């Protein structure tokens, strides 16, 4: 969709006709969109007052489309966002545009990854971004539309529609993938504070992640035994992080948080335990999976089949947040590996 085509539409076209036209042009994710009328786009831009609508926020590969604030607002309208969500969408686009994220190859990769948006700060409560029960599921407008708006930007401005996106299978996160950390339920520092931001700052962290995998531990309450269960799920043969590490994500469920905190563990203890335990021997890894790298750990002795290969290069590379509702389950989200790293940006 070029800048002329992407302009807001008039009010006289019917809803069905607009949706049929947008679908035929490849400008949707397959779901119906909210028609981006001039009035709706103007209202969306009011969500970031004082900003010039023609301000360039990013250049989006592979088409290298120019994502102005207005163009982003058009896609946010289409996604069903409220105007107050626009600044989160803008920050998320800034994050995926960072070279560390590697957007160009993420847009055209065969890997089943999608940009997961993790939100921290007071804005989570202000916008009612779900961080508790069902945080990866439906029912929350902020989660659903913020994630969808970023996806529509990547498709409509970046050109990564079905004809270009080479993802072999895709996954549901390519529709929308936005959650928040449950800071109120965590006894530890939230993610954005770990990364050097103030607790009162609003921050998005974006990571190219696969679908969440549920890890059940309803029986063991000992901290190290919970870690053993997690490690077995996280370091499976075939997971990209075993071959090229990166920044995989652990969303720690509330019951597991309680057990670990009662044992005196903090986030650093959990990350270190999983760095030590979530491994496979080089003899199994070397001729399986995918190419090794680009950040394959140098400390693995490739002359020794018993040398253990971790899923991260260092304990701090594991992204750990608290989220979800009651129950003995936590979620593991593998990533593309070291070729796509997580990026955090302040929500302006």
Protein backbone atom coordinates (compact mmCIF):
# COMPACT_ATOMS: atom_id res chain seq x y z
CA UNK A 1 0.00 0.00 0.00
CA UNK A 2 1.63 3.30 -1.05
CA UNK A 3 1.19 6.63 0.70
CA UNK A 4 -1.56 7.75 -1.65
CA UNK A 5 -3.53 4.54 -1.34
CA UNK A 6 -2.94 4.54 2.41
CA UNK A 7 -4.61 7.92 2.93
CA UNK A 8 -7.79 8.02 4.94
CA UNK A 9 -10.97 7.23 3.04
CA UNK A 10 -14.20 9.17 2.80
CA UNK A 11 -17.33 8.45 4.79
CA UNK A 12 -19.54 7.54 1.85
CA UNK A 13 -18.29 4.02 1.11
CA UNK A 14 -20.13 1.15 2.73
CA UNK A 15 -18.48 -0.90 5.43
CA UNK A 16 -18.77 -4.14 3.46
CA UNK A 17 -17.47 -2.60 0.25
CA UNK A 18 -14.49 -1.09 2.06
CA UNK A 19 -13.62 -4.38 3.71
CA UNK A 20 -13.98 -6.30 0.46
CA UNK A 21 -11.75 -3.80 -1.31
CA UNK A 22 -9.08 -3.77 1.40
CA UNK A 23 -9.07 -7.56 1.51
CA UNK A 24 -8.69 -7.85 -2.27
CA UNK A 25 -5.78 -5.40 -2.16
CA UNK A 26 -4.03 -7.46 0.55
CA UNK A 27 -4.28 -4.64 3.10
CA UNK A 28 -5.75 -6.69 5.96
CA UNK A 29 -4.77 -9.66 8.09
CA UNK A 30 -7.86 -11.51 6.89
CA UNK A 31 -10.09 -10.09 9.60
CA UNK A 32 -12.47 -7.19 9.03
CA UNK A 33 -10.98 -3.76 9.59
CA UNK A 34 -12.36 -0.46 10.87
CA UNK A 35 -12.56 1.87 7.85
CA UNK A 36 -9.90 4.58 8.29
CA UNK A 37 -12.01 7.64 7.58
CA UNK A 38 -10.52 11.12 7.82
CA UNK A 39 -12.38 11.72 11.08
CA UNK A 40 -11.16 8.47 12.64
CA UNK A 41 -7.56 9.08 11.61
CA UNK A 42 -7.67 12.63 12.98
CA UNK A 43 -9.03 11.31 16.27
CA UNK A 44 -6.28 8.68 16.39
CA UNK A 45 -3.57 11.29 15.80
CA UNK A 46 -4.97 13.23 18.76
CA UNK A 47 -3.64 10.37 20.87
CA UNK A 48 -0.18 11.90 20.38
CA UNK A 49 -0.86 15.64 20.54
CA UNK A 50 1.80 18.03 19.37
CA UNK A 51 3.35 15.53 16.98
CA UNK A 52 3.47 16.25 13.26
CA UNK A 53 1.43 13.74 11.27
CA UNK A 54 4.11 13.59 8.57
CA UNK A 55 6.87 12.80 11.08
CA UNK A 56 8.82 9.76 9.92
CA UNK A 57 8.83 7.08 12.64
CA UNK A 58 10.61 4.36 10.70
CA UNK A 59 11.38 2.78 7.34
CA UNK A 60 9.88 -0.70 7.23
CA UNK A 61 11.45 -3.54 5.23
CA UNK A 62 11.33 -5.38 2.94
CA UNK A 63 9.52 -2.76 0.81
CA UNK A 64 11.23 0.02 2.79
CA UNK A 65 7.93 1.81 3.22
CA UNK A 66 7.97 5.12 5.05
CA UNK A 67 6.01 4.80 8.28
CA UNK A 68 4.93 8.32 9.12
CA UNK A 69 2.87 8.98 12.21
CA UNK A 70 -0.19 9.40 9.98
CA UNK A 71 0.41 6.07 8.23
CA UNK A 72 0.72 4.34 11.58
CA UNK A 73 -2.47 6.04 12.75
CA UNK A 74 -4.32 4.72 9.69
CA UNK A 75 -3.29 1.16 10.56
CA UNK A 76 -4.14 1.71 14.22
CA UNK A 77 -7.65 2.76 13.19
CA UNK A 78 -7.96 -0.31 10.98
CA UNK A 79 -6.88 -2.50 13.92
CA UNK A 80 -9.54 -1.04 16.23
CA UNK A 81 -7.20 0.88 18.53
CA UNK A 82 -8.28 3.70 20.79
CA UNK A 83 -6.31 6.95 20.30
CA UNK A 84 -4.51 6.47 23.62
CA UNK A 85 -3.01 3.23 22.29
CA UNK A 86 -1.19 4.98 19.43
CA UNK A 87 1.92 5.84 21.45
CA UNK A 88 2.37 2.17 22.36
CA UNK A 89 2.15 1.14 18.71
CA UNK A 90 4.69 3.82 17.77
CA UNK A 91 7.12 2.66 20.47
CA UNK A 92 6.71 -0.95 19.34
CA UNK A 93 7.53 0.00 15.76
CA UNK A 94 10.58 1.92 16.97
CA UNK A 95 11.68 -1.19 18.85
CA UNK A 96 11.38 -3.59 15.91
CA UNK A 97 13.16 -1.00 13.73
CA UNK A 98 16.25 -1.21 15.94
CA UNK A 99 19.04 -3.12 14.12
CA UNK A 100 19.32 -5.60 17.00
CA UNK A 101 15.82 -6.87 16.23
CA UNK A 102 16.74 -7.57 12.61
CA UNK A 103 13.38 -6.69 11.10
CA UNK A 104 14.40 -7.25 7.46
CA UNK A 105 15.02 -10.96 7.93
CA UNK A 106 12.18 -11.36 10.42
CA UNK A 107 9.75 -10.07 7.78
CA UNK A 108 10.82 -12.72 5.25
CA UNK A 109 12.02 -15.63 7.41
CA UNK A 110 10.69 -19.19 7.28
CA UNK A 111 10.74 -19.18 11.09
CA UNK A 112 7.42 -19.20 12.98
CA UNK A 113 8.07 -16.01 14.92
CA UNK A 114 6.09 -12.82 15.51
CA UNK A 115 6.87 -9.57 17.35
CA UNK A 116 5.76 -10.06 20.94
CA UNK A 117 5.10 -6.72 22.64
CA UNK A 118 5.66 -6.72 26.43
CA UNK A 119 4.47 -3.55 28.17
CA UNK A 120 5.71 -2.27 31.53
CA UNK A 121 4.95 0.77 33.64
CA UNK A 122 1.89 2.70 34.86
CA UNK A 123 0.44 2.67 31.35
CA UNK A 124 -0.48 -1.00 31.82
CA UNK A 125 -3.20 -0.06 34.29
CA UNK A 126 -4.12 3.13 32.48
CA UNK A 127 -4.87 1.30 29.23
CA UNK A 128 -6.05 -1.95 30.87
CA UNK A 129 -3.49 -4.11 29.09
CA UNK A 130 -4.03 -7.64 30.36
CA UNK A 131 -1.16 -9.10 32.40
CA UNK A 132 -3.14 -11.63 34.44
CA UNK A 133 -5.44 -14.54 33.68
CA UNK A 134 -5.61 -15.24 29.97
CA UNK A 135 -3.00 -12.62 29.05
CA UNK A 136 -2.16 -14.39 25.77
CA UNK A 137 -5.82 -14.89 24.92
CA UNK A 138 -8.82 -12.92 23.70
CA UNK A 139 -11.10 -10.48 25.45
CA UNK A 140 -8.89 -7.43 25.97
CA UNK A 141 -9.15 -4.62 23.48
CA UNK A 142 -5.78 -3.05 24.29
CA UNK A 143 -3.84 -6.31 23.89
CA UNK A 144 -5.72 -7.32 20.76
CA UNK A 145 -5.59 -4.04 18.88
CA UNK A 146 -2.11 -2.81 19.83
CA UNK A 147 -0.56 -6.05 18.64
CA UNK A 148 -2.74 -6.10 15.55
CA UNK A 149 -1.84 -2.50 14.66
CA UNK A 150 1.86 -3.34 14.64
CA UNK A 151 1.18 -6.36 12.42
CA UNK A 152 -0.83 -4.24 9.96
CA UNK A 153 2.01 -1.70 9.80
CA UNK A 154 4.47 -4.49 8.99
CA UNK A 155 2.14 -5.79 6.28
CA UNK A 156 0.83 -2.58 4.76
CA UNK A 157 3.85 -0.31 5.04
CA UNK A 158 6.58 -2.95 5.06
CA UNK A 159 5.00 -5.13 2.42
CA UNK A 160 5.21 -8.38 4.40
CA UNK A 161 1.88 -9.77 3.27
CA UNK A 162 1.23 -13.42 2.40
CA UNK A 163 3.14 -13.19 -0.88
CA UNK A 164 6.32 -12.04 0.89
CA UNK A 165 6.11 -13.54 4.40
CA UNK A 166 7.89 -16.88 3.96
CA UNK A 167 7.06 -18.23 7.41
CA UNK A 168 6.59 -21.95 6.85
CA UNK A 169 3.69 -22.28 9.27
CA UNK A 170 3.20 -18.89 10.91
CA UNK A 171 1.46 -18.84 14.28
CA UNK A 172 -1.50 -17.02 15.85
CA UNK A 173 0.79 -14.29 17.20
CA UNK A 174 1.01 -12.97 13.66
CA UNK A 175 -2.51 -11.65 14.15
CA UNK A 176 -1.70 -9.95 17.44
CA UNK A 177 0.89 -10.52 20.17
CA UNK A 178 0.76 -8.04 23.05
CA UNK A 179 0.89 -8.63 26.80
CA UNK A 180 2.03 -6.82 29.93
CA UNK A 181 4.06 -7.89 32.93
CA UNK A 182 2.02 -8.43 36.11
CA UNK A 183 4.15 -6.10 38.19
CA UNK A 184 1.74 -5.99 41.14
CA UNK A 185 2.01 -9.78 41.54
CA UNK A 186 5.79 -9.87 41.32
CA UNK A 187 8.07 -9.69 44.36
CA UNK A 188 10.97 -8.75 42.08
CA UNK A 189 12.05 -5.94 39.79
CA UNK A 190 9.97 -5.72 36.62
CA UNK A 191 11.59 -6.20 33.24
CA UNK A 192 11.99 -2.52 32.36
CA UNK A 193 13.71 -1.77 35.69
CA UNK A 194 16.09 -4.68 35.08
CA UNK A 195 16.92 -2.99 31.79
CA UNK A 196 17.80 0.36 33.36
CA UNK A 197 14.52 2.26 33.16
CA UNK A 198 12.70 3.81 36.10
CA UNK A 199 9.70 2.00 37.52
CA UNK A 200 7.46 4.97 36.71
CA UNK A 201 8.48 4.99 33.06
CA UNK A 202 6.35 3.32 30.39
CA UNK A 203 8.34 0.90 28.25
CA UNK A 204 7.74 -1.65 25.51
CA UNK A 205 10.03 -4.61 24.98
CA UNK A 206 9.66 -6.40 21.66
CA UNK A 207 11.06 -9.86 20.93
CA UNK A 208 10.49 -12.10 17.94
CA UNK A 209 8.87 -15.08 19.65
CA UNK A 210 7.21 -18.33 18.76
CA UNK A 211 3.87 -19.36 20.25
CA UNK A 212 3.83 -19.83 24.05
CA UNK A 213 4.42 -23.38 25.33
CA UNK A 214 2.75 -24.28 28.62
CA UNK A 215 5.00 -25.89 31.24
CA UNK A 216 2.98 -27.65 33.94
CA UNK A 217 4.34 -28.32 37.41
CA UNK A 218 1.49 -28.94 39.86
CA UNK A 219 3.32 -31.35 42.13
CA UNK A 220 6.84 -30.13 42.87
CA UNK A 221 7.12 -27.09 45.11
CA UNK A 222 10.89 -27.19 45.65
CA UNK A 223 12.56 -24.37 43.73
CA UNK A 224 15.22 -26.50 42.08
CA UNK A 225 12.74 -29.20 41.08
CA UNK A 226 10.56 -26.57 39.41
CA UNK A 227 13.67 -25.45 37.54
CA UNK A 228 14.34 -29.03 36.39
CA UNK A 229 10.85 -29.25 34.95
CA UNK A 230 11.27 -25.95 33.14
CA UNK A 231 14.73 -26.84 31.85
CA UNK A 232 13.47 -30.06 30.30
CA UNK A 233 10.78 -28.16 28.38
CA UNK A 234 13.02 -25.28 27.35
CA UNK A 235 16.06 -27.14 26.02
CA UNK A 236 14.37 -29.53 23.62
CA UNK A 237 16.14 -30.64 20.46
CA UNK A 238 14.85 -28.55 17.59
CA UNK A 239 14.25 -25.33 19.51
CA UNK A 240 16.15 -22.48 17.82
CA UNK A 241 17.62 -21.21 21.08
CA UNK A 242 19.63 -24.39 21.46
CA UNK A 243 21.45 -23.65 18.21
CA UNK A 244 21.68 -19.88 18.16
CA UNK A 245 20.72 -18.81 21.70
CA UNK A 246 19.27 -15.27 21.79
CA UNK A 247 16.66 -13.93 24.23
CA UNK A 248 13.94 -16.52 24.89
CA UNK A 249 11.08 -15.59 27.22
CA UNK A 250 9.81 -17.21 30.42
CA UNK A 251 6.44 -15.99 31.70
CA UNK A 252 6.40 -17.22 35.28
CA UNK A 253 2.98 -18.19 36.65
CA UNK A 254 1.78 -16.94 40.01
CA UNK A 255 1.94 -20.23 41.93
CA UNK A 256 5.48 -20.83 40.74
CA UNK A 257 6.35 -17.28 41.75
CA UNK A 258 5.05 -17.96 45.25
CA UNK A 259 7.08 -21.16 45.64
CA UNK A 260 10.27 -19.58 44.34
CA UNK A 261 9.91 -16.40 46.40
CA UNK A 262 9.18 -18.43 49.55
CA UNK A 263 12.47 -20.25 48.96
CA UNK A 264 14.30 -16.93 48.87
CA UNK A 265 14.95 -16.95 45.14
CA UNK A 266 15.05 -13.82 43.00
CA UNK A 267 15.02 -13.34 39.24
CA UNK A 268 18.78 -13.67 39.01
CA UNK A 269 18.66 -17.02 40.85
CA UNK A 270 16.00 -18.34 38.46
CA UNK A 271 17.88 -17.21 35.38
CA UNK A 272 21.14 -18.70 36.63
CA UNK A 273 19.52 -22.04 37.43
CA UNK A 274 17.98 -22.26 33.97
CA UNK A 275 21.24 -21.19 32.33
CA UNK A 276 22.92 -24.09 34.12
CA UNK A 277 20.17 -26.68 33.62
CA UNK A 278 18.53 -25.93 30.26
CA UNK A 279 21.20 -27.61 28.12
CA UNK A 280 21.86 -30.51 25.78
CA UNK A 281 25.18 -32.28 25.05
CA UNK A 282 27.10 -31.10 21.99
CA UNK A 283 27.06 -34.65 20.64
CA UNK A 284 23.28 -34.35 20.20
CA UNK A 285 23.21 -30.73 19.09
CA UNK A 286 25.99 -30.65 16.51
CA UNK A 287 24.25 -32.47 13.66
CA UNK A 288 20.66 -31.40 14.36
CA UNK A 289 18.38 -28.41 14.14
CA UNK A 290 19.79 -25.41 12.31
CA UNK A 291 23.03 -23.58 11.63
CA UNK A 292 24.94 -22.70 14.76
CA UNK A 293 25.17 -19.03 15.50
CA UNK A 294 25.46 -16.13 15.04
CA UNK A 295 26.02 -15.99 18.82
CA UNK A 296 26.83 -19.62 19.56
CA UNK A 297 28.67 -19.75 22.92
CA UNK A 298 32.43 -19.95 22.60
CA UNK A 299 32.72 -21.89 25.85
CA UNK A 300 31.15 -25.00 24.29
CA UNK A 301 34.00 -27.45 23.56
CA UNK A 302 33.21 -28.77 20.10
CA UNK A 303 35.83 -31.48 20.48
CA UNK A 304 33.89 -32.98 23.39
CA UNK A 305 30.50 -34.56 22.69
CA UNK A 306 29.68 -34.24 26.40
CA UNK A 307 30.17 -30.47 26.47
CA UNK A 308 26.80 -28.97 27.35
CA UNK A 309 25.10 -26.40 25.09
CA UNK A 310 22.84 -23.79 26.80
CA UNK A 311 19.82 -22.01 25.33
CA UNK A 312 21.30 -18.60 26.20
CA UNK A 313 24.84 -17.25 26.16
CA UNK A 314 24.51 -15.86 29.68
CA UNK A 315 21.93 -16.03 32.45
CA UNK A 316 20.86 -12.41 31.93
CA UNK A 317 19.89 -13.12 28.31
CA UNK A 318 16.78 -14.98 29.47
CA UNK A 319 13.78 -12.65 29.57
CA UNK A 320 11.80 -13.37 32.74
CA UNK A 321 8.49 -11.75 33.55
CA UNK A 322 5.58 -12.56 35.85
CA UNK A 323 2.14 -13.04 34.33
CA UNK A 324 -1.07 -15.05 34.20
CA UNK A 325 -3.65 -16.23 36.69
CA UNK A 326 -3.99 -19.01 39.24
CA UNK A 327 -2.62 -22.44 38.41
CA UNK A 328 0.63 -24.39 38.34
CA UNK A 329 1.65 -23.40 34.83
CA UNK A 330 4.28 -21.13 33.37
CA UNK A 331 4.92 -20.34 29.73
CA UNK A 332 8.06 -20.64 27.62
CA UNK A 333 8.39 -18.66 24.41
CA UNK A 334 11.30 -19.74 22.19
CA UNK A 335 12.66 -17.18 19.77
CA UNK A 336 14.38 -17.06 16.40
CA UNK A 337 17.75 -17.10 18.16
CA UNK A 338 20.70 -14.72 18.21
CA UNK A 339 19.90 -13.24 14.82
CA UNK A 340 16.97 -11.39 16.39
CA UNK A 341 17.40 -9.88 19.85
CA UNK A 342 14.92 -8.14 22.13
CA UNK A 343 14.74 -4.34 22.16
CA UNK A 344 13.17 -2.01 24.75
CA UNK A 345 11.93 1.51 24.02
CA UNK A 346 10.29 4.21 26.12
CA UNK A 347 6.67 4.98 25.28
CA UNK A 348 6.73 8.71 24.63
